[in-house]
Amino acid sequence: MAGTKVVSDIAGKVWKIEAAAGTAVAKDDVVLILESMKMEIPVTAPCAGTVTEIYYKEGEVVGEGDVVAVIG
């Protein structure tokens, strides 16, 4: 897994993917939104680049500390 990992800070369900594979992002752009405890939690890009991989689909459950995407 080359590139920069995008990591979830909290467990939750993927509510919406904002940046699919192939999407260019800037640092702090929202990659996906998690739903946890009836709140929407954005997971942001730690750096600028292009999203090369998304590991979860909308509706899937993510654990705290899970790698959810990679930016190349």
PDB file of N, CA and C in Angstrom:
ATOM      1  N   MET A   1       0.849  -1.167   0.000  1.00  0.00           N
ATOM      2  CA  MET A   1       0.000   0.000   0.000  1.00  0.00           C
ATOM      3  C   MET A   1       0.901   1.239   0.000  1.00  0.00           C
ATOM      4  N   ALA A   2       1.317   1.673  -1.175  1.00  0.00           N
ATOM      5  CA  ALA A   2       2.139   2.873  -1.294  1.00  0.00           C
ATOM      6  C   ALA A   2       1.238   4.099  -1.237  1.00  0.00           C
ATOM      7  N   GLY A   3       1.761   5.190  -0.751  1.00  0.00           N
ATOM      8  CA  GLY A   3       0.974   6.412  -0.653  1.00  0.00           C
ATOM      9  C   GLY A   3       0.682   6.748   0.792  1.00  0.00           C
ATOM     10  N   THR A   4      -0.078   7.795   0.977  1.00  0.00           N
ATOM     11  CA  THR A   4      -0.442   8.258   2.314  1.00  0.00           C
ATOM     12  C   THR A   4      -1.778   7.667   2.723  1.00  0.00           C
ATOM     13  N   LYS A   5      -1.804   7.084   3.906  1.00  0.00           N
ATOM     14  CA  LYS A   5      -3.024   6.452   4.401  1.00  0.00           C
ATOM     15  C   LYS A   5      -3.987   7.497   4.962  1.00  0.00           C
ATOM     16  N   VAL A   6      -5.265   7.310   4.675  1.00  0.00           N
ATOM     17  CA  VAL A   6      -6.330   8.112   5.273  1.00  0.00           C
ATOM     18  C   VAL A   6      -6.955   7.225   6.347  1.00  0.00           C
ATOM     19  N   VAL A   7      -6.875   7.657   7.597  1.00  0.00           N
ATOM     20  CA  VAL A   7      -7.265   6.824   8.736  1.00  0.00           C
ATOM     21  C   VAL A   7      -8.484   7.416   9.440  1.00  0.00           C
ATOM     22  N   SER A   8      -9.391   6.545   9.843  1.00  0.00           N
ATOM     23  CA  SER A   8     -10.580   6.963  10.595  1.00  0.00           C
ATOM     24  C   SER A   8     -10.214   7.180  12.060  1.00  0.00           C
ATOM     25  N   ASP A   9     -10.655   8.302  12.617  1.00  0.00           N
ATOM     26  CA  ASP A   9     -10.402   8.592  14.032  1.00  0.00           C
ATOM     27  C   ASP A   9     -11.465   8.005  14.945  1.00  0.00           C
ATOM     28  N   ILE A  10     -12.537   7.467  14.348  1.00  0.00           N
ATOM     29  CA  ILE A  10     -13.671   6.984  15.133  1.00  0.00           C
ATOM     30  C   ILE A  10     -14.332   5.825  14.391  1.00  0.00           C
ATOM     31  N   ALA A  11     -14.970   4.948  15.129  1.00  0.00           N
ATOM     32  CA  ALA A  11     -15.735   3.857  14.513  1.00  0.00           C
ATOM     33  C   ALA A  11     -17.082   4.394  14.053  1.00  0.00           C
ATOM     34  N   GLY A  12     -17.564   3.869  12.949  1.00  0.00           N
ATOM     35  CA  GLY A  12     -18.866   4.292  12.454  1.00  0.00           C
ATOM     36  C   GLY A  12     -19.184   3.647  11.129  1.00  0.00           C
ATOM     37  N   LYS A  13     -20.308   4.022  10.565  1.00  0.00           N
ATOM     38  CA  LYS A  13     -20.740   3.497   9.279  1.00  0.00           C
ATOM     39  C   LYS A  13     -20.462   4.540   8.202  1.00  0.00           C
ATOM     40  N   VAL A  14     -19.948   4.090   7.053  1.00  0.00           N
ATOM     41  CA  VAL A  14     -19.701   5.021   5.955  1.00  0.00           C
ATOM     42  C   VAL A  14     -21.047   5.522   5.455  1.00  0.00           C
ATOM     43  N   TRP A  15     -21.276   6.814   5.633  1.00  0.00           N
ATOM     44  CA  TRP A  15     -22.535   7.427   5.226  1.00  0.00           C
ATOM     45  C   TRP A  15     -22.453   7.900   3.776  1.00  0.00           C
ATOM     46  N   LYS A  16     -21.310   8.537   3.420  1.00  0.00           N
ATOM     47  CA  LYS A  16     -21.172   9.051   2.060  1.00  0.00           C
ATOM     48  C   LYS A  16     -19.697   9.136   1.674  1.00  0.00           C
ATOM     49  N   ILE A  17     -19.392   8.690   0.472  1.00  0.00           N
ATOM     50  CA  ILE A  17     -18.039   8.834  -0.065  1.00  0.00           C
ATOM     51  C   ILE A  17     -18.012  10.128  -0.876  1.00  0.00           C
ATOM     52  N   GLU A  18     -17.138  11.030  -0.480  1.00  0.00           N
ATOM     53  CA  GLU A  18     -17.036  12.334  -1.134  1.00  0.00           C
ATOM     54  C   GLU A  18     -15.978  12.357  -2.235  1.00  0.00           C
ATOM     55  N   ALA A  19     -14.954  11.518  -2.128  1.00  0.00           N
ATOM     56  CA  ALA A  19     -13.850  11.516  -3.100  1.00  0.00           C
ATOM     57  C   ALA A  19     -13.553  10.077  -3.516  1.00  0.00           C
ATOM     58  N   ALA A  20     -14.041   9.690  -4.679  1.00  0.00           N
ATOM     59  CA  ALA A  20     -13.818   8.333  -5.192  1.00  0.00           C
ATOM     60  C   ALA A  20     -12.385   8.204  -5.703  1.00  0.00           C
ATOM     61  N   ALA A  21     -11.974   6.979  -5.961  1.00  0.00           N
ATOM     62  CA  ALA A  21     -10.651   6.732  -6.539  1.00  0.00           C
ATOM     63  C   ALA A  21     -10.522   7.538  -7.822  1.00  0.00           C
ATOM     64  N   GLY A  22      -9.380   8.217  -7.970  1.00  0.00           N
ATOM     65  CA  GLY A  22      -9.129   9.040  -9.138  1.00  0.00           C
ATOM     66  C   GLY A  22      -9.423  10.516  -8.908  1.00  0.00           C
ATOM     67  N   THR A  23     -10.002  10.847  -7.762  1.00  0.00           N
ATOM     68  CA  THR A  23     -10.341  12.229  -7.450  1.00  0.00           C
ATOM     69  C   THR A  23      -9.138  12.954  -6.843  1.00  0.00           C
ATOM     70  N   ALA A  24      -8.833  14.145  -7.348  1.00  0.00           N
ATOM     71  CA  ALA A  24      -7.781  14.977  -6.765  1.00  0.00           C
ATOM     72  C   ALA A  24      -8.338  15.661  -5.524  1.00  0.00           C
ATOM     73  N   VAL A  25      -7.541  15.677  -4.460  1.00  0.00           N
ATOM     74  CA  VAL A  25      -7.952  16.315  -3.209  1.00  0.00           C
ATOM     75  C   VAL A  25      -6.840  17.229  -2.706  1.00  0.00           C
ATOM     76  N   ALA A  26      -7.238  18.248  -1.965  1.00  0.00           N
ATOM     77  CA  ALA A  26      -6.302  19.118  -1.265  1.00  0.00           C
ATOM     78  C   ALA A  26      -6.234  18.657   0.188  1.00  0.00           C
ATOM     79  N   LYS A  27      -5.192  19.082   0.888  1.00  0.00           N
ATOM     80  CA  LYS A  27      -5.086  18.749   2.307  1.00  0.00           C
ATOM     81  C   LYS A  27      -6.351  19.243   3.012  1.00  0.00           C
ATOM     82  N   ASP A  28      -6.916  18.407   3.856  1.00  0.00           N
ATOM     83  CA  ASP A  28      -8.117  18.680   4.655  1.00  0.00           C
ATOM     84  C   ASP A  28      -9.432  18.603   3.882  1.00  0.00           C
ATOM     85  N   ASP A  29      -9.401  18.225   2.586  1.00  0.00           N
ATOM     86  CA  ASP A  29     -10.651  17.954   1.870  1.00  0.00           C
ATOM     87  C   ASP A  29     -11.309  16.715   2.471  1.00  0.00           C
ATOM     88  N   VAL A  30     -12.626  16.674   2.464  1.00  0.00           N
ATOM     89  CA  VAL A  30     -13.358  15.523   2.995  1.00  0.00           C
ATOM     90  C   VAL A  30     -13.281  14.374   1.989  1.00  0.00           C
ATOM     91  N   VAL A  31     -12.818  13.217   2.451  1.00  0.00           N
ATOM     92  CA  VAL A  31     -12.742  12.016   1.617  1.00  0.00           C
ATOM     93  C   VAL A  31     -14.024  11.211   1.758  1.00  0.00           C
ATOM     94  N   LEU A  32     -14.475  11.036   2.990  1.00  0.00           N
ATOM     95  CA  LEU A  32     -15.748  10.362   3.230  1.00  0.00           C
ATOM     96  C   LEU A  32     -16.334  10.836   4.542  1.00  0.00           C
ATOM     97  N   ILE A  33     -17.617  10.542   4.718  1.00  0.00           N
ATOM     98  CA  ILE A  33     -18.324  10.946   5.937  1.00  0.00           C
ATOM     99  C   ILE A  33     -18.820   9.694   6.641  1.00  0.00           C
ATOM    100  N   LEU A  34     -18.507   9.617   7.929  1.00  0.00           N
ATOM    101  CA  LEU A  34     -18.974   8.512   8.757  1.00  0.00           C
ATOM    102  C   LEU A  34     -20.179   8.963   9.557  1.00  0.00           C
ATOM    103  N   GLU A  35     -21.049   8.014   9.866  1.00  0.00           N
ATOM    104  CA  GLU A  35     -22.156   8.263  10.779  1.00  0.00           C
ATOM    105  C   GLU A  35     -21.859   7.483  12.049  1.00  0.00           C
ATOM    106  N   SER A  36     -21.806   8.199  13.160  1.00  0.00           N
ATOM    107  CA  SER A  36     -21.523   7.567  14.447  1.00  0.00           C
ATOM    108  C   SER A  36     -22.283   8.321  15.526  1.00  0.00           C
ATOM    109  N   MET A  37     -22.990   7.604  16.353  1.00  0.00           N
ATOM    110  CA  MET A  37     -23.761   8.192  17.454  1.00  0.00           C
ATOM    111  C   MET A  37     -24.696   9.291  16.928  1.00  0.00           C
ATOM    112  N   LYS A  38     -25.325   9.040  15.775  1.00  0.00           N
ATOM    113  CA  LYS A  38     -26.276   9.954  15.136  1.00  0.00           C
ATOM    114  C   LYS A  38     -25.632  11.278  14.723  1.00  0.00           C
ATOM    115  N   MET A  39     -24.312  11.264  14.547  1.00  0.00           N
ATOM    116  CA  MET A  39     -23.586  12.452  14.090  1.00  0.00           C
ATOM    117  C   MET A  39     -22.851  12.110  12.803  1.00  0.00           C
ATOM    118  N   GLU A  40     -22.640  13.108  11.963  1.00  0.00           N
ATOM    119  CA  GLU A  40     -21.860  12.929  10.743  1.00  0.00           C
ATOM    120  C   GLU A  40     -20.438  13.409  11.020  1.00  0.00           C
ATOM    121  N   ILE A  41     -19.471  12.517  10.816  1.00  0.00           N
ATOM    122  CA  ILE A  41     -18.074  12.804  11.113  1.00  0.00           C
ATOM    123  C   ILE A  41     -17.275  12.782   9.812  1.00  0.00           C
ATOM    124  N   PRO A  42     -16.707  13.916   9.379  1.00  0.00           N
ATOM    125  CA  PRO A  42     -15.904  13.906   8.154  1.00  0.00           C
ATOM    126  C   PRO A  42     -14.533  13.285   8.400  1.00  0.00           C
ATOM    127  N   VAL A  43     -14.070  12.497   7.436  1.00  0.00           N
ATOM    128  CA  VAL A  43     -12.708  11.958   7.442  1.00  0.00           C
ATOM    129  C   VAL A  43     -11.991  12.715   6.326  1.00  0.00           C
ATOM    130  N   THR A  44     -10.935  13.429   6.690  1.00  0.00           N
ATOM    131  CA  THR A  44     -10.294  14.339   5.747  1.00  0.00           C
ATOM    132  C   THR A  44      -8.944  13.827   5.248  1.00  0.00           C
ATOM    133  N   ALA A  45      -8.523  14.382   4.121  1.00  0.00           N
ATOM    134  CA  ALA A  45      -7.238  14.032   3.515  1.00  0.00           C
ATOM    135  C   ALA A  45      -6.101  14.637   4.333  1.00  0.00           C
ATOM    136  N   PRO A  46      -5.095  13.832   4.698  1.00  0.00           N
ATOM    137  CA  PRO A  46      -3.970  14.361   5.466  1.00  0.00           C
ATOM    138  C   PRO A  46      -2.974  15.135   4.596  1.00  0.00           C
ATOM    139  N   CYS A  47      -3.138  15.048   3.272  1.00  0.00           N
ATOM    140  CA  CYS A  47      -2.232  15.729   2.346  1.00  0.00           C
ATOM    141  C   CYS A  47      -2.940  15.914   1.003  1.00  0.00           C
ATOM    142  N   ALA A  48      -2.343  16.692   0.137  1.00  0.00           N
ATOM    143  CA  ALA A  48      -2.877  16.857  -1.219  1.00  0.00           C
ATOM    144  C   ALA A  48      -2.413  15.689  -2.086  1.00  0.00           C
ATOM    145  N   GLY A  49      -3.201  15.362  -3.095  1.00  0.00           N
ATOM    146  CA  GLY A  49      -2.849  14.281  -4.014  1.00  0.00           C
ATOM    147  C   GLY A  49      -4.091  13.748  -4.698  1.00  0.00           C
ATOM    148  N   THR A  50      -3.976  12.538  -5.180  1.00  0.00           N
ATOM    149  CA  THR A  50      -5.098  11.873  -5.844  1.00  0.00           C
ATOM    150  C   THR A  50      -5.465  10.623  -5.058  1.00  0.00           C
ATOM    151  N   VAL A  51      -6.748  10.461  -4.795  1.00  0.00           N
ATOM    152  CA  VAL A  51      -7.203   9.251  -4.100  1.00  0.00           C
ATOM    153  C   VAL A  51      -6.954   8.071  -5.036  1.00  0.00           C
ATOM    154  N   THR A  52      -6.155   7.119  -4.579  1.00  0.00           N
ATOM    155  CA  THR A  52      -5.847   5.953  -5.413  1.00  0.00           C
ATOM    156  C   THR A  52      -6.686   4.738  -5.046  1.00  0.00           C
ATOM    157  N   GLU A  53      -7.102   4.674  -3.776  1.00  0.00           N
ATOM    158  CA  GLU A  53      -7.913   3.532  -3.338  1.00  0.00           C
ATOM    159  C   GLU A  53      -8.884   3.969  -2.246  1.00  0.00           C
ATOM    160  N   ILE A  54     -10.084   3.418  -2.300  1.00  0.00           N
ATOM    161  CA  ILE A  54     -11.072   3.546  -1.224  1.00  0.00           C
ATOM    162  C   ILE A  54     -11.369   2.116  -0.786  1.00  0.00           C
ATOM    163  N   TYR A  55     -11.229   1.842   0.502  1.00  0.00           N
ATOM    164  CA  TYR A  55     -11.364   0.475   0.996  1.00  0.00           C
ATOM    165  C   TYR A  55     -12.757   0.096   1.484  1.00  0.00           C
ATOM    166  N   TYR A  56     -13.654   1.059   1.600  1.00  0.00           N
ATOM    167  CA  TYR A  56     -14.996   0.778   2.104  1.00  0.00           C
ATOM    168  C   TYR A  56     -16.038   1.329   1.149  1.00  0.00           C
ATOM    169  N   LYS A  57     -17.233   0.751   1.212  1.00  0.00           N
ATOM    170  CA  LYS A  57     -18.375   1.220   0.431  1.00  0.00           C
ATOM    171  C   LYS A  57     -19.360   1.870   1.388  1.00  0.00           C
ATOM    172  N   GLU A  58     -20.242   2.688   0.841  1.00  0.00           N
ATOM    173  CA  GLU A  58     -21.275   3.295   1.669  1.00  0.00           C
ATOM    174  C   GLU A  58     -22.090   2.203   2.359  1.00  0.00           C
ATOM    175  N   GLY A  59     -22.327   2.383   3.650  1.00  0.00           N
ATOM    176  CA  GLY A  59     -23.075   1.412   4.432  1.00  0.00           C
ATOM    177  C   GLY A  59     -22.207   0.447   5.213  1.00  0.00           C
ATOM    178  N   GLU A  60     -20.915   0.349   4.875  1.00  0.00           N
ATOM    179  CA  GLU A  60     -20.028  -0.566   5.600  1.00  0.00           C
ATOM    180  C   GLU A  60     -19.526   0.081   6.887  1.00  0.00           C
ATOM    181  N   VAL A  61     -19.180  -0.755   7.852  1.00  0.00           N
ATOM    182  CA  VAL A  61     -18.725  -0.293   9.166  1.00  0.00           C
ATOM    183  C   VAL A  61     -17.202  -0.195   9.179  1.00  0.00           C
ATOM    184  N   VAL A  62     -16.722   0.931   9.721  1.00  0.00           N
ATOM    185  CA  VAL A  62     -15.297   1.229   9.838  1.00  0.00           C
ATOM    186  C   VAL A  62     -14.939   1.238  11.317  1.00  0.00           C
ATOM    187  N   GLY A  63     -13.800   0.681  11.660  1.00  0.00           N
ATOM    188  CA  GLY A  63     -13.332   0.714  13.034  1.00  0.00           C
ATOM    189  C   GLY A  63     -12.404   1.898  13.276  1.00  0.00           C
ATOM    190  N   GLU A  64     -12.273   2.305  14.521  1.00  0.00           N
ATOM    191  CA  GLU A  64     -11.347   3.383  14.863  1.00  0.00           C
ATOM    192  C   GLU A  64      -9.926   2.976  14.480  1.00  0.00           C
ATOM    193  N   GLY A  65      -9.228   3.830  13.759  1.00  0.00           N
ATOM    194  CA  GLY A  65      -7.860   3.548  13.346  1.00  0.00           C
ATOM    195  C   GLY A  65      -7.751   2.784  12.043  1.00  0.00           C
ATOM    196  N   ASP A  66      -8.883   2.412  11.440  1.00  0.00           N
ATOM    197  CA  ASP A  66      -8.848   1.697  10.151  1.00  0.00           C
ATOM    198  C   ASP A  66      -8.404   2.618   9.029  1.00  0.00           C
ATOM    199  N   VAL A  67      -7.633   2.063   8.097  1.00  0.00           N
ATOM    200  CA  VAL A  67      -7.263   2.792   6.896  1.00  0.00           C
ATOM    201  C   VAL A  67      -8.465   2.725   5.952  1.00  0.00           C
ATOM    202  N   VAL A  68      -9.006   3.889   5.579  1.00  0.00           N
ATOM    203  CA  VAL A  68     -10.206   3.916   4.751  1.00  0.00           C
ATOM    204  C   VAL A  68      -9.899   4.229   3.290  1.00  0.00           C
ATOM    205  N   ALA A  69      -8.736   4.848   3.051  1.00  0.00           N
ATOM    206  CA  ALA A  69      -8.358   5.224   1.686  1.00  0.00           C
ATOM    207  C   ALA A  69      -6.862   5.466   1.616  1.00  0.00           C
ATOM    208  N   VAL A  70      -6.364   5.624   0.387  1.00  0.00           N
ATOM    209  CA  VAL A  70      -4.943   5.944   0.170  1.00  0.00           C
ATOM    210  C   VAL A  70      -4.883   7.098  -0.827  1.00  0.00           C
ATOM    211  N   ILE A  71      -3.991   8.032  -0.534  1.00  0.00           N
ATOM    212  CA  ILE A  71      -3.740   9.162  -1.441  1.00  0.00           C
ATOM    213  C   ILE A  71      -2.333   9.012  -1.992  1.00  0.00           C
ATOM    214  N   GLY A  72      -2.223   9.053  -3.321  1.00  0.00           N
ATOM    215  CA  GLY A  72      -0.922   8.886  -3.961  1.00  0.00           C
ATOM    216  C   GLY A  72      -0.384  10.181  -4.475  1.00  0.00           C
TER     217      GLY A  72
END
